[in-house]
Protein backbone atom coordinates (compact mmCIF):
# COMPACT_ATOMS: atom_id res chain seq x y z
CA MET A 1 36.08 36.76 -5.34
CA ARG A 2 35.03 33.72 -7.32
CA ILE A 3 34.94 31.68 -4.12
CA ILE A 4 32.63 34.23 -2.47
CA LYS A 5 30.32 34.21 -5.50
CA TYR A 6 30.32 30.41 -5.47
CA LEU A 7 29.42 30.32 -1.77
CA ILE A 8 26.62 32.85 -2.23
CA THR A 9 25.24 30.88 -5.18
CA SER A 10 25.45 27.61 -3.25
CA ILE A 11 23.64 29.10 -0.24
CA ALA A 12 20.94 30.53 -2.51
CA VAL A 13 20.40 27.13 -4.15
CA ILE A 14 20.16 25.40 -0.76
CA LEU A 15 17.65 27.95 0.52
CA MET A 16 15.61 27.65 -2.67
CA CYS A 17 15.53 23.84 -2.39
CA GLN A 18 14.47 24.09 1.23
CA SER A 19 11.72 26.50 0.24
CA ILE A 20 10.48 24.17 -2.51
CA SER A 21 10.62 21.22 -0.14
CA ALA A 22 8.63 23.14 2.45
CA GLN A 23 5.97 23.93 -0.16
CA GLU A 24 5.68 20.34 -1.35
CA TRP A 25 5.70 18.56 2.01
CA GLY A 26 3.44 19.52 4.88
CA PRO A 27 4.07 18.83 8.57
CA MET A 28 3.95 15.31 9.96
CA ASN A 29 0.64 14.43 11.59
CA PHE A 30 0.00 11.86 14.26
CA VAL A 31 -3.03 9.54 14.28
CA TYR A 32 -5.27 10.28 17.25
CA TRP A 33 -8.01 7.76 17.96
CA GLU A 34 -11.20 9.39 19.28
CA ASN A 35 -11.69 6.65 21.86
CA PRO A 36 -8.65 4.40 21.79
CA PRO A 37 -9.54 0.76 22.46
CA ASN A 38 -7.70 -0.78 25.38
CA ALA A 39 -4.43 -2.44 24.36
CA PHE A 40 -5.09 -1.94 20.65
CA PRO A 41 -1.99 -3.02 18.71
CA GLY A 42 0.08 -0.71 16.55
CA PHE A 43 -0.82 -0.45 12.89
CA PHE A 44 1.24 -1.30 9.82
CA ASN A 45 1.08 -0.93 6.04
CA PRO A 46 -1.31 2.06 5.89
CA SER A 47 -3.23 2.86 2.70
CA TYR A 48 -5.46 5.93 2.62
CA CYS A 49 -8.53 6.58 0.44
CA VAL A 50 -9.16 10.32 0.15
CA ILE A 51 -12.68 9.92 -1.27
CA GLN A 52 -13.79 7.75 1.63
CA SER A 53 -11.62 9.50 4.24
CA LEU A 54 -10.71 5.96 5.31
CA LEU A 55 -7.34 4.67 6.43
CA TYR A 56 -6.81 0.97 5.75
CA PHE A 57 -4.08 -0.82 7.71
CA ASP A 58 -3.19 -4.13 9.30
CA THR A 59 -2.03 -5.41 12.68
CA PHE A 60 0.70 -7.56 11.22
CA GLN A 61 2.34 -8.36 14.54
CA ASP A 62 -0.86 -9.11 16.44
CA ASP A 63 -4.05 -10.62 15.03
CA ASN A 64 -3.18 -10.31 11.32
CA LYS A 65 -6.37 -8.49 10.35
CA ILE A 66 -7.16 -5.50 8.15
CA TYR A 67 -8.78 -2.53 9.86
CA THR A 68 -10.20 0.81 8.80
CA SER A 69 -10.43 4.13 10.59
CA ARG A 70 -12.23 7.24 9.36
CA LEU A 71 -10.77 10.74 9.49
CA ASP A 72 -13.46 12.53 11.52
CA SER A 73 -11.98 15.95 12.09
CA ILE A 74 -8.86 18.10 12.09
CA VAL A 75 -8.58 20.31 15.16
CA PHE A 76 -5.58 22.58 15.70
CA ASP A 77 -3.53 20.52 13.23
CA GLN A 78 -4.40 17.32 15.05
CA TRP A 79 -6.03 14.64 12.91
CA TRP A 80 -8.70 12.75 14.86
CA TRP A 81 -9.73 9.31 13.67
CA SER A 82 -12.62 7.02 14.55
CA ASP A 83 -12.04 3.80 16.46
CA PRO A 84 -10.45 1.11 14.27
CA VAL A 85 -12.92 -1.42 12.89
CA ALA A 86 -11.87 -4.80 11.48
CA LEU A 87 -13.19 -5.49 7.99
CA PRO A 88 -15.78 -8.26 8.04
CA ALA A 89 -15.64 -11.54 6.17
CA PRO A 90 -14.87 -12.31 3.43
CA ILE A 91 -11.86 -9.97 3.84
CA ASN A 92 -10.85 -11.05 7.34
CA ILE A 93 -11.34 -14.74 7.98
CA GLU A 94 -10.33 -16.57 11.13
CA ASP A 95 -7.16 -18.65 11.41
CA TYR A 96 -5.52 -16.96 8.38
CA SER A 97 -3.40 -13.85 7.87
CA ASN A 98 -5.00 -10.93 6.03
CA VAL A 99 -2.52 -8.08 5.76
CA MET A 100 -0.88 -5.37 3.61
CA PRO A 101 -4.00 -3.69 2.21
CA PHE A 102 -3.87 -1.39 -0.79
CA ILE A 103 -7.07 0.55 -1.47
CA THR A 104 -7.56 2.12 -4.88
CA ILE A 105 -8.38 5.78 -5.48
CA ASN A 106 -12.14 5.37 -5.75
CA GLY A 107 -12.23 3.03 -2.76
CA ASP A 108 -13.94 0.27 -4.75
CA SER A 109 -11.07 -2.21 -5.11
CA LEU A 110 -8.91 -3.67 -2.36
CA PHE A 111 -5.68 -5.61 -2.90
CA PHE A 112 -4.26 -7.46 0.07
CA CYS A 113 -2.10 -10.44 1.06
CA SER A 114 -3.37 -13.64 2.62
CA ASN A 115 -2.48 -17.29 3.12
CA ARG A 116 -6.14 -18.33 3.04
CA PRO A 117 -7.32 -21.48 1.26
CA GLY A 118 -6.65 -21.21 -2.45
CA SER A 119 -3.23 -19.64 -2.04
CA ARG A 120 -0.40 -20.99 -4.20
CA GLY A 121 1.93 -21.14 -1.22
CA GLY A 122 2.92 -18.78 1.56
CA MET A 123 1.34 -15.34 1.15
CA ASP A 124 -0.56 -14.58 -2.08
CA ILE A 125 -2.05 -11.36 -3.41
CA TRP A 126 -5.85 -11.28 -3.45
CA MET A 127 -8.38 -8.72 -4.62
CA SER A 128 -11.94 -7.79 -3.69
CA VAL A 129 -14.34 -5.10 -4.97
CA ILE A 130 -17.29 -3.36 -3.35
CA ILE A 131 -20.74 -4.12 -4.75
CA ASP A 132 -23.80 -2.69 -2.99
CA ASN A 133 -21.58 -1.51 -0.12
CA GLU A 134 -20.28 -5.00 0.56
CA TRP A 135 -16.94 -6.59 -0.22
CA THR A 136 -17.14 -9.47 -2.66
CA GLU A 137 -15.42 -12.81 -2.17
CA PRO A 138 -11.70 -12.13 -2.74
CA VAL A 139 -10.15 -13.45 -5.94
CA ASN A 140 -6.62 -14.83 -6.08
CA LEU A 141 -4.64 -13.01 -8.79
CA GLY A 142 -3.52 -16.37 -10.15
CA ASN A 143 -0.33 -18.01 -11.34
CA SER A 144 0.83 -14.98 -13.33
CA VAL A 145 1.33 -13.11 -10.04
CA ASN A 146 1.39 -15.65 -7.23
CA THR A 147 3.84 -18.49 -6.77
CA GLY A 148 4.90 -20.92 -4.07
CA LEU A 149 6.98 -18.06 -2.63
CA ASN A 150 5.68 -15.13 -0.58
CA GLU A 151 4.16 -12.23 -2.56
CA SER A 152 3.54 -9.03 -0.64
CA ARG A 153 2.99 -5.26 -0.63
CA PRO A 154 0.73 -4.84 -3.68
CA CYS A 155 0.59 -1.39 -5.26
CA TYR A 156 -1.73 -0.79 -8.20
CA VAL A 157 -1.27 2.00 -10.76
CA PRO A 158 -4.80 2.55 -12.12
CA GLY A 159 -4.05 4.55 -15.27
CA SER A 160 -1.72 1.92 -16.70
CA ARG A 161 -3.42 -1.03 -14.96
CA ILE A 162 -0.08 -2.19 -13.60
CA LEU A 163 0.50 -3.93 -10.29
CA PHE A 164 3.83 -3.70 -8.50
CA PHE A 165 4.56 -6.09 -5.66
CA ASP A 166 7.36 -7.71 -3.68
CA ARG A 167 8.42 -11.35 -3.83
CA LEU A 168 10.62 -13.16 -1.34
CA VAL A 169 12.98 -14.95 -3.73
CA SER A 170 15.36 -16.25 -1.04
CA ARG A 171 15.92 -15.98 2.67
CA ASN A 172 17.94 -12.80 2.28
CA GLU A 173 16.52 -11.34 -0.92
CA VAL A 174 13.26 -9.59 -1.75
CA ASN A 175 12.70 -8.21 -5.25
CA ILE A 176 10.08 -5.97 -6.86
CA TYR A 177 7.93 -7.43 -9.65
CA LYS A 178 5.46 -5.99 -12.12
CA SER A 179 2.33 -7.39 -13.78
CA GLU A 180 -0.16 -5.73 -16.14
CA PHE A 181 -3.91 -6.38 -16.27
CA PHE A 182 -4.58 -6.81 -19.99
CA GLN A 183 -7.64 -8.16 -21.83
CA GLY A 184 -9.23 -9.49 -18.68
CA SER A 185 -6.26 -11.22 -17.09
CA TRP A 186 -3.00 -10.56 -15.30
CA GLN A 187 0.03 -10.95 -17.52
CA PRO A 188 3.06 -12.97 -16.32
CA ALA A 189 4.96 -10.93 -13.77
CA TYR A 190 8.56 -10.05 -14.39
CA GLU A 191 11.30 -8.85 -12.11
CA LEU A 192 12.37 -5.21 -12.39
CA PRO A 193 15.95 -4.71 -13.64
CA GLU A 194 19.04 -4.68 -11.47
CA ILE A 195 19.07 -0.89 -11.26
CA VAL A 196 16.05 -1.37 -8.95
CA ASN A 197 16.60 -4.89 -7.62
CA LEU A 198 20.12 -5.19 -6.29
CA SER A 199 21.39 -8.73 -5.81
CA ASP A 200 21.25 -10.24 -2.31
CA CYS A 201 19.30 -7.29 -0.94
CA MET A 202 15.88 -6.60 0.51
CA ASN A 203 14.32 -4.48 -2.25
CA TYR A 204 10.99 -3.12 -1.12
CA GLY A 205 8.66 -0.53 -2.57
CA ALA A 206 6.51 0.38 -5.54
CA PHE A 207 5.28 3.25 -7.71
CA TYR A 208 1.84 4.79 -7.48
CA ASP A 209 0.39 7.59 -9.62
CA GLU A 210 -2.77 8.94 -8.03
CA GLN A 211 -3.34 11.39 -10.87
CA GLU A 212 -4.50 8.71 -13.26
CA LYS A 213 -8.11 7.68 -13.71
CA GLU A 214 -9.00 4.34 -12.19
CA GLU A 215 -11.01 1.48 -13.64
CA LYS A 216 -12.59 -1.37 -11.73
CA LEU A 217 -11.07 -4.71 -12.63
CA LEU A 218 -13.84 -7.14 -11.68
């Protein structure tokens, strides 16, 4: 009898969890271009701004540029997007990689990775803001964040003014770091503890709280 009760309870818990999961997560949606450009490469590292209805992404395995596409309509659960448009200079500049965009909630600050002139070495994290509908000259986040190694995948938490990012510390190891913007400058980044960064592993990812209010940094 106890076994039967246990099974019934277990099934009820599973069904409840499935119900909660179904309420929290909607169906997967595919990106449909309105007029797909011929031979347009796949996109990587998407970052979506709800206010602008703009999807930012890069073509990491092709021309190493950052693009945007606007959500134009949703028809019969299909999300239709405008043709991808490459961001103009000074975001995308020729002969250099400009990838891994992260757009903030209000759409006025863009973090991204680039090996453009002024980088400390490899890929650095840069930032640009919109003024009068134009992107300003990107600013390198400096020695507190960037090193001679590769920094990548920036993720900014606006309420706490914290930036999470990845750093390639060796050929076979990537770890997650954290830096806080305090009193007008980025504080020295430190590596998250071993519970997050396992030794000799590729540790990717970051935390982002979209509920917090954002502030422009520049």
